[in-house]
Amino acid sequence: MLPEVVRDRSSSPEFSPLAIGEDLSPLPAYKAAGTASIDFAGLLADPIRLREDLSSGCGGQTWPAGMTLARHMLRYHADDLKDSRILELGAGGGLVGLAVARGCVVEKNPIYITDQLGMYSLMEHNIGLNGLEGRVKAAILNWGEPLPQDIMSFKPDVILAADCVYFEPAFPLLLATLSDLLRLCPTATIYFCFKKRRRADMQFLKKAQKMFQVVEIADEDRPVFSREGLFLYTFRAL
């Protein structure tokens, strides 16, 4: 398991999201609805199947930060999540949570994958598509609203969040929910991966750094994904 390292962004501007131009990362082309088989560059012997469908929103598509975060969890956390209470925020079709359920040892608790109501049927479909009923649960969690009672009772201590930084008006709502989750379980770790696309994303990160302990994570793929404007952090309570 690779240690986390705090990066001095002033000495490594090439890897800093704060140093990247506003127009570096255009949005990916939308895909037609369909089902993909994903093994995360061989990290899953048994690939997950994922239905992608944009009819209910952009979360129905596989986005690059989700692939990056899933690979990181499979590579470095396959055996240390046995007793964890895992929740994915903004799951869309459930890519990261399903990958963790398939490729990591999670023994005691189900994994919650959460998003807005419009994504619920797609999350449920993908759980069934992979035969993970009972091991993965879909739930509705709207950022900025009080946490649902089942999530309050669950008290997640590992939170997965990928490609949640894409819509500026939602940034305060996302930060509020992250804060609520860390208040609920002050020892929790949030694994947060995003692709910097525009100047506003820098403001989100600056606000997060004031609210949480933000640490950039070491990963052997970092030189590759950082060139694509992707960044991987943990957030913890101060």
Protein backbone atom coordinates (compact mmCIF):
# COMPACT_ATOMS: atom_id res chain seq x y z
CA MET A 1 0.00 0.00 0.00
CA LEU A 2 1.51 3.29 -1.09
CA PRO A 3 1.70 6.06 1.50
CA GLU A 4 -0.03 9.38 1.10
CA VAL A 5 2.24 12.32 0.59
CA VAL A 6 1.63 16.02 0.97
CA ARG A 7 2.78 17.77 -2.18
CA ASP A 8 4.37 21.19 -2.10
CA ARG A 9 2.42 22.73 -4.94
CA SER A 10 4.75 25.70 -5.21
CA SER A 11 7.63 23.39 -6.11
CA SER A 12 5.65 21.08 -8.39
CA PRO A 13 3.36 23.34 -10.44
CA GLU A 14 3.17 20.89 -13.31
CA PHE A 15 1.12 18.55 -11.12
CA SER A 16 -0.99 21.18 -9.41
CA PRO A 17 -4.61 21.75 -10.43
CA LEU A 18 -4.13 25.34 -9.29
CA ALA A 19 -1.57 25.86 -12.07
CA ILE A 20 -3.58 24.50 -15.00
CA GLY A 21 -5.21 26.74 -17.59
CA GLU A 22 -8.96 27.14 -17.67
CA ASP A 23 -9.49 25.35 -20.96
CA LEU A 24 -7.11 22.43 -20.48
CA SER A 25 -9.72 19.70 -20.16
CA PRO A 26 -12.79 19.76 -22.41
CA LEU A 27 -15.77 17.63 -21.50
CA PRO A 28 -15.69 14.16 -23.09
CA ALA A 29 -17.91 13.34 -26.03
CA TYR A 30 -21.23 11.89 -25.01
CA LYS A 31 -21.68 8.18 -25.68
CA ALA A 32 -24.69 6.37 -27.04
CA ALA A 33 -26.48 4.18 -24.49
CA GLY A 34 -24.96 0.74 -24.15
CA THR A 35 -23.31 -1.74 -21.82
CA ALA A 36 -19.53 -1.84 -21.32
CA SER A 37 -17.30 -4.53 -19.81
CA ILE A 38 -14.53 -2.95 -17.69
CA ASP A 39 -11.54 -4.72 -16.11
CA PHE A 40 -9.53 -1.60 -15.17
CA ALA A 41 -6.40 -2.54 -17.12
CA GLY A 42 -6.46 -6.11 -15.84
CA LEU A 43 -6.96 -5.27 -12.15
CA LEU A 44 -10.24 -7.21 -12.20
CA ALA A 45 -10.07 -10.84 -13.24
CA ASP A 46 -13.85 -10.77 -13.54
CA PRO A 47 -14.80 -7.48 -15.24
CA ILE A 48 -17.78 -5.45 -14.15
CA ARG A 49 -20.54 -4.73 -16.64
CA LEU A 50 -21.84 -1.20 -16.67
CA ARG A 51 -24.89 0.16 -18.43
CA GLU A 52 -24.23 3.72 -19.60
CA ASP A 53 -27.30 5.82 -20.36
CA LEU A 54 -27.44 9.61 -20.43
CA SER A 55 -31.22 9.80 -20.61
CA SER A 56 -31.41 10.72 -16.91
CA GLY A 57 -28.35 12.97 -16.76
CA CYS A 58 -24.61 13.19 -17.35
CA GLY A 59 -23.94 10.84 -14.44
CA GLY A 60 -25.07 7.96 -16.62
CA GLN A 61 -21.77 8.04 -18.48
CA THR A 62 -18.37 6.72 -17.40
CA TRP A 63 -16.08 9.67 -16.65
CA PRO A 64 -12.27 9.68 -16.36
CA ALA A 65 -11.92 10.41 -12.65
CA GLY A 66 -14.11 7.42 -11.86
CA MET A 67 -11.78 5.14 -13.80
CA THR A 68 -8.76 6.64 -12.03
CA LEU A 69 -10.24 6.33 -8.54
CA ALA A 70 -11.44 2.76 -9.17
CA ARG A 71 -7.98 1.70 -10.37
CA HIS A 72 -6.40 3.29 -7.29
CA MET A 73 -8.74 1.50 -4.89
CA LEU A 74 -8.24 -1.86 -6.63
CA ARG A 75 -4.46 -1.50 -6.73
CA TYR A 76 -3.80 -0.16 -3.22
CA HIS A 77 -6.82 -1.07 -1.08
CA ALA A 78 -7.86 -4.54 -2.23
CA ASP A 79 -7.20 -6.09 1.18
CA ASP A 80 -7.62 -3.29 3.74
CA LEU A 81 -11.34 -2.54 3.50
CA LYS A 82 -12.63 -5.70 5.17
CA ASP A 83 -14.47 -3.94 7.99
CA SER A 84 -15.06 -0.63 6.25
CA ARG A 85 -18.40 1.08 5.82
CA ILE A 86 -18.14 2.35 2.25
CA LEU A 87 -20.28 4.95 0.51
CA GLU A 88 -19.91 6.37 -3.01
CA LEU A 89 -21.13 9.92 -3.62
CA GLY A 90 -22.39 11.04 -7.03
CA ALA A 91 -22.10 7.47 -8.21
CA GLY A 92 -23.93 7.82 -11.53
CA GLY A 93 -24.11 4.23 -12.73
CA GLY A 94 -22.02 3.06 -9.77
CA LEU A 95 -18.64 2.50 -11.47
CA VAL A 96 -16.35 2.95 -8.45
CA GLY A 97 -18.53 1.27 -5.85
CA LEU A 98 -19.17 -1.73 -8.09
CA ALA A 99 -15.46 -2.05 -8.86
CA VAL A 100 -14.63 -2.04 -5.15
CA ALA A 101 -17.36 -4.60 -4.45
CA ARG A 102 -16.00 -6.88 -7.16
CA GLY A 103 -12.26 -6.49 -6.60
CA CYS A 104 -11.71 -5.58 -2.92
CA VAL A 105 -12.30 -7.70 0.16
CA VAL A 106 -15.30 -6.10 1.89
CA GLU A 107 -16.75 -8.60 4.35
CA LYS A 108 -18.87 -7.02 7.06
CA ASN A 109 -20.97 -4.33 5.42
CA PRO A 110 -22.74 -3.56 2.14
CA ILE A 111 -21.41 -0.77 -0.07
CA TYR A 112 -23.76 2.15 -0.64
CA ILE A 113 -23.74 3.82 -4.05
CA THR A 114 -25.65 7.10 -4.00
CA ASP A 115 -26.88 9.78 -6.36
CA GLN A 116 -29.99 11.77 -7.18
CA LEU A 117 -33.35 10.18 -7.92
CA GLY A 118 -32.75 10.29 -11.68
CA MET A 119 -29.81 7.88 -11.34
CA TYR A 120 -31.51 5.44 -8.99
CA SER A 121 -32.87 3.03 -11.61
CA LEU A 122 -29.50 2.94 -13.42
CA MET A 123 -27.66 2.16 -10.17
CA GLU A 124 -30.14 -0.62 -9.40
CA HIS A 125 -29.82 -1.99 -12.94
CA ASN A 126 -26.02 -2.13 -12.70
CA ILE A 127 -26.11 -3.81 -9.30
CA GLY A 128 -28.29 -6.54 -10.78
CA LEU A 129 -26.23 -6.72 -13.97
CA ASN A 130 -23.22 -7.71 -11.85
CA GLY A 131 -25.05 -10.02 -9.45
CA LEU A 132 -24.15 -7.82 -6.49
CA GLU A 133 -27.55 -7.61 -4.83
CA GLY A 134 -27.06 -7.74 -1.08
CA ARG A 135 -23.44 -6.60 -1.35
CA VAL A 136 -24.20 -3.21 -2.92
CA LYS A 137 -27.17 -0.96 -2.13
CA ALA A 138 -28.41 2.01 -4.15
CA ALA A 139 -29.66 5.03 -2.25
CA ILE A 140 -30.75 8.59 -2.99
CA LEU A 141 -28.50 11.23 -1.47
CA ASN A 142 -28.96 14.85 -2.53
CA TRP A 143 -25.98 17.08 -1.76
CA GLY A 144 -26.72 19.92 0.60
CA GLU A 145 -29.74 18.19 2.15
CA PRO A 146 -29.78 16.39 5.52
CA LEU A 147 -28.25 12.93 5.27
CA PRO A 148 -30.86 10.17 4.87
CA GLN A 149 -31.58 8.15 8.00
CA ASP A 150 -30.14 4.94 6.58
CA ILE A 151 -26.85 6.73 5.86
CA MET A 152 -26.87 8.28 9.33
CA SER A 153 -27.25 4.82 10.84
CA PHE A 154 -24.58 3.36 8.54
CA LYS A 155 -21.93 6.00 9.50
CA PRO A 156 -19.67 5.49 6.46
CA ASP A 157 -15.96 5.64 7.21
CA VAL A 158 -14.73 5.36 3.61
CA ILE A 159 -16.29 7.78 1.14
CA LEU A 160 -15.59 7.57 -2.59
CA ALA A 161 -16.16 10.64 -4.74
CA ALA A 162 -15.12 10.81 -8.39
CA ASP A 163 -15.96 13.45 -11.00
CA CYS A 164 -18.14 15.33 -8.54
CA VAL A 165 -16.53 18.67 -9.50
CA TYR A 166 -18.26 19.67 -12.74
CA PHE A 167 -21.11 22.08 -11.95
CA GLU A 168 -20.16 25.23 -10.06
CA PRO A 169 -23.57 25.95 -8.42
CA ALA A 170 -23.37 22.51 -6.78
CA PHE A 171 -19.97 23.14 -5.15
CA PRO A 172 -21.37 24.55 -1.86
CA LEU A 173 -23.85 21.67 -1.68
CA LEU A 174 -21.09 19.09 -2.21
CA LEU A 175 -18.88 20.73 0.42
CA ALA A 176 -21.80 20.74 2.87
CA THR A 177 -22.39 17.02 2.35
CA LEU A 178 -18.70 16.19 2.71
CA SER A 179 -18.69 18.17 5.97
CA ASP A 180 -21.79 16.35 7.19
CA LEU A 181 -20.21 12.97 6.48
CA LEU A 182 -17.02 13.88 8.34
CA ARG A 183 -19.05 15.16 11.30
CA LEU A 184 -21.02 11.91 11.28
CA CYS A 185 -17.79 9.89 11.38
CA PRO A 186 -14.82 12.12 12.28
CA THR A 187 -12.33 9.32 11.53
CA ALA A 188 -13.64 8.81 7.98
CA THR A 189 -11.48 9.15 4.88
CA ILE A 190 -12.82 10.64 1.67
CA TYR A 191 -11.08 9.48 -1.51
CA PHE A 192 -11.66 12.33 -3.93
CA CYS A 193 -10.69 12.34 -7.61
CA PHE A 194 -11.54 15.08 -10.08
CA LYS A 195 -10.62 16.33 -13.50
CA LYS A 196 -9.89 20.04 -13.61
CA ARG A 197 -11.81 21.58 -16.48
CA ARG A 198 -12.29 25.25 -15.64
CA ARG A 199 -11.17 28.02 -13.33
CA ALA A 200 -14.02 27.45 -10.88
CA ASP A 201 -12.61 24.03 -10.00
CA MET A 202 -9.62 25.82 -8.44
CA GLN A 203 -11.98 27.70 -6.13
CA PHE A 204 -13.57 24.43 -5.03
CA LEU A 205 -10.17 23.00 -4.11
CA LYS A 206 -9.16 26.16 -2.23
CA LYS A 207 -12.35 26.01 -0.18
CA ALA A 208 -11.84 22.31 0.52
CA GLN A 209 -8.31 23.01 1.75
CA LYS A 210 -9.73 25.47 4.31
CA MET A 211 -12.37 23.01 5.52
CA PHE A 212 -10.53 19.67 5.51
CA GLN A 213 -7.11 18.10 5.75
CA VAL A 214 -6.40 17.66 2.04
CA VAL A 215 -3.56 15.33 1.05
CA GLU A 216 -2.53 14.35 -2.45
CA ILE A 217 -2.23 10.57 -2.80
CA ALA A 218 0.80 8.79 -4.22
CA ASP A 219 -0.08 6.52 -7.14
CA GLU A 220 2.15 4.88 -9.73
CA ASP A 221 -0.12 6.22 -12.49
CA ARG A 222 0.08 9.80 -11.25
CA PRO A 223 2.53 11.04 -13.94
CA VAL A 224 0.07 9.80 -16.57
CA PHE A 225 -3.26 10.91 -15.15
CA SER A 226 -1.94 14.26 -13.95
CA ARG A 227 -1.07 15.15 -17.55
CA GLU A 228 -4.76 14.60 -18.31
CA GLY A 229 -5.75 17.10 -15.62
CA LEU A 230 -6.76 14.43 -13.09
CA PHE A 231 -5.99 14.78 -9.39
CA LEU A 232 -6.42 12.36 -6.51
CA TYR A 233 -6.71 13.36 -2.84
CA THR A 234 -7.87 12.27 0.56
CA PHE A 235 -10.01 14.62 2.62
CA ARG A 236 -10.15 14.16 6.39
CA ALA A 237 -11.54 16.16 9.27
CA LEU A 238 -9.24 18.87 10.62
